[in-house]
Amino acid sequence: MKAEYDFSKGRRGQAVPTKGKTRITIYIDDQIVAAFKAESARTGTGYQTLINEALAQHIGTAEKPITAEQVRKIVRDELAHAR
């Protein structure tokens, strides 16, 4: 260990900035947080991820799940190209 460290070029904040995400402070009702934490415990997905997904779904930017009909079409197309 050095006796002295030079922090003159240091910057405050995250060591590695995340792209596409912004850290904010937000106040959410206790019962909402509890519900997301319960869902998190049930599914194994982080509660903050669940909140983010719910917000994305609300504003219409969430990815829509693929339907069985879409899977069938993809499989038919791939099989047709493989022959």
N, C-alpha and C. Protein backbone atom coordinates (compact mmCIF):
# COMPACT_ATOMS: atom_id res chain seq x y z
N MET A 1 0.83 -1.17 0.00
CA MET A 1 0.00 0.00 0.00
C MET A 1 0.88 1.24 0.00
N LYS A 2 0.49 2.22 -0.82
CA LYS A 2 1.26 3.45 -0.89
C LYS A 2 1.03 4.29 0.36
N ALA A 3 2.00 5.11 0.66
CA ALA A 3 1.85 6.02 1.79
C ALA A 3 0.90 7.15 1.43
N GLU A 4 0.86 7.52 0.12
CA GLU A 4 0.00 8.61 -0.34
C GLU A 4 -0.58 8.28 -1.70
N TYR A 5 -1.81 8.68 -1.95
CA TYR A 5 -2.46 8.46 -3.24
C TYR A 5 -2.82 9.81 -3.84
N ASP A 6 -2.73 9.91 -5.17
CA ASP A 6 -3.04 11.16 -5.87
C ASP A 6 -4.46 11.08 -6.44
N PHE A 7 -5.36 11.86 -5.88
CA PHE A 7 -6.74 11.91 -6.35
C PHE A 7 -7.04 13.19 -7.11
N SER A 8 -6.01 13.89 -7.57
CA SER A 8 -6.21 15.18 -8.23
C SER A 8 -7.00 15.03 -9.54
N LYS A 9 -6.93 13.88 -10.19
CA LYS A 9 -7.68 13.67 -11.43
C LYS A 9 -8.93 12.83 -11.21
N GLY A 10 -9.27 12.62 -9.97
CA GLY A 10 -10.45 11.83 -9.64
C GLY A 10 -11.74 12.57 -9.93
N ARG A 11 -12.80 11.81 -10.17
CA ARG A 11 -14.12 12.40 -10.41
C ARG A 11 -15.13 11.74 -9.49
N ARG A 12 -16.14 12.49 -9.11
CA ARG A 12 -17.20 11.96 -8.27
C ARG A 12 -18.16 11.16 -9.14
N GLY A 13 -18.85 10.23 -8.53
CA GLY A 13 -19.86 9.46 -9.24
C GLY A 13 -19.48 8.01 -9.37
N GLN A 14 -20.20 7.33 -10.24
CA GLN A 14 -19.99 5.91 -10.44
C GLN A 14 -18.61 5.64 -11.01
N ALA A 15 -18.02 4.55 -10.60
CA ALA A 15 -16.73 4.16 -11.16
C ALA A 15 -16.88 3.81 -12.63
N VAL A 16 -17.94 3.08 -12.97
CA VAL A 16 -18.21 2.73 -14.35
C VAL A 16 -19.62 3.22 -14.67
N PRO A 17 -19.75 4.25 -15.50
CA PRO A 17 -21.08 4.77 -15.80
C PRO A 17 -21.90 3.75 -16.60
N THR A 18 -23.18 3.67 -16.32
CA THR A 18 -24.05 2.77 -17.07
C THR A 18 -24.66 3.55 -18.23
N LYS A 19 -24.72 2.90 -19.38
CA LYS A 19 -25.30 3.56 -20.55
C LYS A 19 -26.77 3.21 -20.64
N GLY A 20 -27.57 4.21 -20.93
CA GLY A 20 -29.00 3.97 -21.10
C GLY A 20 -29.81 3.99 -19.82
N LYS A 21 -29.17 4.26 -18.71
CA LYS A 21 -29.89 4.32 -17.44
C LYS A 21 -29.45 5.57 -16.68
N THR A 22 -30.36 6.12 -15.91
CA THR A 22 -30.08 7.31 -15.10
C THR A 22 -30.47 7.02 -13.67
N ARG A 23 -29.56 7.33 -12.76
CA ARG A 23 -29.85 7.15 -11.34
C ARG A 23 -30.66 8.36 -10.87
N ILE A 24 -31.81 8.08 -10.22
CA ILE A 24 -32.65 9.14 -9.69
C ILE A 24 -33.09 8.78 -8.28
N THR A 25 -33.60 9.76 -7.58
CA THR A 25 -34.24 9.52 -6.29
C THR A 25 -35.73 9.72 -6.51
N ILE A 26 -36.52 8.76 -6.05
CA ILE A 26 -37.96 8.83 -6.26
C ILE A 26 -38.65 8.30 -5.00
N TYR A 27 -39.76 8.90 -4.65
CA TYR A 27 -40.55 8.44 -3.51
C TYR A 27 -41.74 7.66 -4.03
N ILE A 28 -41.85 6.41 -3.61
CA ILE A 28 -42.94 5.52 -4.02
C ILE A 28 -43.63 5.04 -2.75
N ASP A 29 -44.95 4.92 -2.79
CA ASP A 29 -45.72 4.47 -1.64
C ASP A 29 -45.20 3.13 -1.13
N ASP A 30 -45.22 2.97 0.19
CA ASP A 30 -44.70 1.74 0.82
C ASP A 30 -45.39 0.49 0.29
N GLN A 31 -46.71 0.54 0.11
CA GLN A 31 -47.42 -0.65 -0.34
C GLN A 31 -47.06 -1.02 -1.77
N ILE A 32 -46.70 -0.05 -2.59
CA ILE A 32 -46.27 -0.33 -3.97
C ILE A 32 -44.92 -1.05 -3.94
N VAL A 33 -43.99 -0.53 -3.15
CA VAL A 33 -42.67 -1.14 -3.04
C VAL A 33 -42.80 -2.55 -2.47
N ALA A 34 -43.65 -2.72 -1.46
CA ALA A 34 -43.85 -4.04 -0.86
C ALA A 34 -44.39 -5.03 -1.89
N ALA A 35 -45.32 -4.58 -2.72
CA ALA A 35 -45.89 -5.46 -3.74
C ALA A 35 -44.82 -5.87 -4.75
N PHE A 36 -43.98 -4.93 -5.18
CA PHE A 36 -42.92 -5.26 -6.13
C PHE A 36 -41.86 -6.16 -5.48
N LYS A 37 -41.57 -5.95 -4.21
CA LYS A 37 -40.60 -6.81 -3.52
C LYS A 37 -41.15 -8.22 -3.36
N ALA A 38 -42.45 -8.34 -3.11
CA ALA A 38 -43.07 -9.66 -3.01
C ALA A 38 -43.02 -10.38 -4.35
N GLU A 39 -43.31 -9.66 -5.41
CA GLU A 39 -43.22 -10.23 -6.76
C GLU A 39 -41.78 -10.60 -7.09
N SER A 40 -40.85 -9.80 -6.63
CA SER A 40 -39.43 -10.07 -6.82
C SER A 40 -39.02 -11.37 -6.14
N ALA A 41 -39.48 -11.56 -4.92
CA ALA A 41 -39.17 -12.79 -4.19
C ALA A 41 -39.79 -14.00 -4.88
N ARG A 42 -40.97 -13.83 -5.44
CA ARG A 42 -41.67 -14.92 -6.11
C ARG A 42 -41.00 -15.30 -7.43
N THR A 43 -40.56 -14.30 -8.19
CA THR A 43 -40.04 -14.55 -9.54
C THR A 43 -38.52 -14.65 -9.61
N GLY A 44 -37.84 -14.09 -8.61
CA GLY A 44 -36.38 -14.08 -8.66
C GLY A 44 -35.81 -12.94 -9.48
N THR A 45 -36.65 -12.02 -9.91
CA THR A 45 -36.22 -10.84 -10.65
C THR A 45 -36.17 -9.68 -9.67
N GLY A 46 -35.18 -8.81 -9.79
CA GLY A 46 -35.04 -7.67 -8.89
C GLY A 46 -36.26 -6.76 -8.91
N TYR A 47 -36.60 -6.22 -7.77
CA TYR A 47 -37.81 -5.37 -7.70
C TYR A 47 -37.65 -4.10 -8.51
N GLN A 48 -36.44 -3.55 -8.60
CA GLN A 48 -36.25 -2.35 -9.40
C GLN A 48 -36.43 -2.66 -10.89
N THR A 49 -35.99 -3.85 -11.30
CA THR A 49 -36.21 -4.28 -12.68
C THR A 49 -37.70 -4.41 -12.96
N LEU A 50 -38.44 -4.96 -12.01
CA LEU A 50 -39.89 -5.10 -12.17
C LEU A 50 -40.57 -3.73 -12.28
N ILE A 51 -40.15 -2.79 -11.45
CA ILE A 51 -40.72 -1.44 -11.51
C ILE A 51 -40.41 -0.82 -12.86
N ASN A 52 -39.17 -0.97 -13.34
CA ASN A 52 -38.78 -0.41 -14.63
C ASN A 52 -39.62 -1.02 -15.76
N GLU A 53 -39.83 -2.35 -15.71
CA GLU A 53 -40.64 -3.01 -16.72
C GLU A 53 -42.09 -2.52 -16.69
N ALA A 54 -42.64 -2.32 -15.49
CA ALA A 54 -44.02 -1.83 -15.36
C ALA A 54 -44.14 -0.42 -15.93
N LEU A 55 -43.15 0.42 -15.67
CA LEU A 55 -43.18 1.78 -16.21
C LEU A 55 -43.04 1.77 -17.73
N ALA A 56 -42.16 0.92 -18.25
CA ALA A 56 -41.98 0.82 -19.70
C ALA A 56 -43.27 0.33 -20.37
N GLN A 57 -43.92 -0.63 -19.74
CA GLN A 57 -45.19 -1.14 -20.27
C GLN A 57 -46.25 -0.04 -20.25
N HIS A 58 -46.27 0.74 -19.19
CA HIS A 58 -47.27 1.81 -19.07
C HIS A 58 -47.12 2.85 -20.17
N ILE A 59 -45.89 3.20 -20.51
CA ILE A 59 -45.71 4.23 -21.55
C ILE A 59 -45.61 3.62 -22.95
N GLY A 60 -45.70 2.29 -23.04
CA GLY A 60 -45.76 1.64 -24.34
C GLY A 60 -44.43 1.34 -24.99
N THR A 61 -43.34 1.34 -24.21
CA THR A 61 -42.04 1.05 -24.80
C THR A 61 -41.55 -0.35 -24.47
N ALA A 62 -42.33 -1.11 -23.71
CA ALA A 62 -41.92 -2.47 -23.34
C ALA A 62 -42.01 -3.37 -24.56
N GLU A 63 -41.09 -4.34 -24.63
CA GLU A 63 -41.15 -5.32 -25.70
C GLU A 63 -42.37 -6.20 -25.48
N LYS A 64 -43.09 -6.43 -26.55
CA LYS A 64 -44.26 -7.28 -26.44
C LYS A 64 -43.83 -8.74 -26.55
N PRO A 65 -44.40 -9.61 -25.72
CA PRO A 65 -44.01 -11.03 -25.80
C PRO A 65 -44.40 -11.63 -27.14
N ILE A 66 -43.60 -12.56 -27.61
CA ILE A 66 -43.86 -13.22 -28.88
C ILE A 66 -45.03 -14.19 -28.70
N THR A 67 -45.90 -14.23 -29.70
CA THR A 67 -47.08 -15.09 -29.63
C THR A 67 -46.77 -16.45 -30.23
N ALA A 68 -47.63 -17.41 -29.93
CA ALA A 68 -47.47 -18.76 -30.48
C ALA A 68 -47.56 -18.72 -32.00
N GLU A 69 -48.44 -17.90 -32.54
CA GLU A 69 -48.57 -17.79 -34.00
C GLU A 69 -47.29 -17.25 -34.63
N GLN A 70 -46.65 -16.30 -33.98
CA GLN A 70 -45.38 -15.77 -34.49
C GLN A 70 -44.29 -16.84 -34.48
N VAL A 71 -44.25 -17.65 -33.43
CA VAL A 71 -43.28 -18.75 -33.34
C VAL A 71 -43.52 -19.74 -34.47
N ARG A 72 -44.79 -20.10 -34.72
CA ARG A 72 -45.12 -21.03 -35.79
C ARG A 72 -44.66 -20.50 -37.14
N LYS A 73 -44.90 -19.21 -37.38
CA LYS A 73 -44.49 -18.60 -38.66
C LYS A 73 -42.97 -18.63 -38.82
N ILE A 74 -42.25 -18.32 -37.76
CA ILE A 74 -40.78 -18.33 -37.81
C ILE A 74 -40.28 -19.74 -38.11
N VAL A 75 -40.84 -20.73 -37.44
CA VAL A 75 -40.42 -22.12 -37.64
C VAL A 75 -40.73 -22.55 -39.07
N ARG A 76 -41.94 -22.23 -39.58
CA ARG A 76 -42.29 -22.57 -40.96
C ARG A 76 -41.31 -21.93 -41.95
N ASP A 77 -41.01 -20.65 -41.76
CA ASP A 77 -40.07 -19.95 -42.65
C ASP A 77 -38.70 -20.58 -42.61
N GLU A 78 -38.22 -20.90 -41.41
CA GLU A 78 -36.89 -21.50 -41.29
C GLU A 78 -36.85 -22.89 -41.93
N LEU A 79 -37.90 -23.68 -41.73
CA LEU A 79 -37.94 -25.01 -42.33
C LEU A 79 -38.00 -24.92 -43.86
N ALA A 80 -38.71 -23.93 -44.37
CA ALA A 80 -38.80 -23.75 -45.82
C ALA A 80 -37.43 -23.39 -46.41
N HIS A 81 -36.66 -22.59 -45.70
CA HIS A 81 -35.32 -22.19 -46.17
C HIS A 81 -34.31 -23.31 -46.04
N ALA A 82 -34.54 -24.23 -45.10
CA ALA A 82 -33.59 -25.31 -44.85
C ALA A 82 -33.70 -26.42 -45.89
N ARG A 83 -34.81 -26.49 -46.61
CA ARG A 83 -35.02 -27.59 -47.61
C ARG A 83 -34.34 -27.31 -48.89
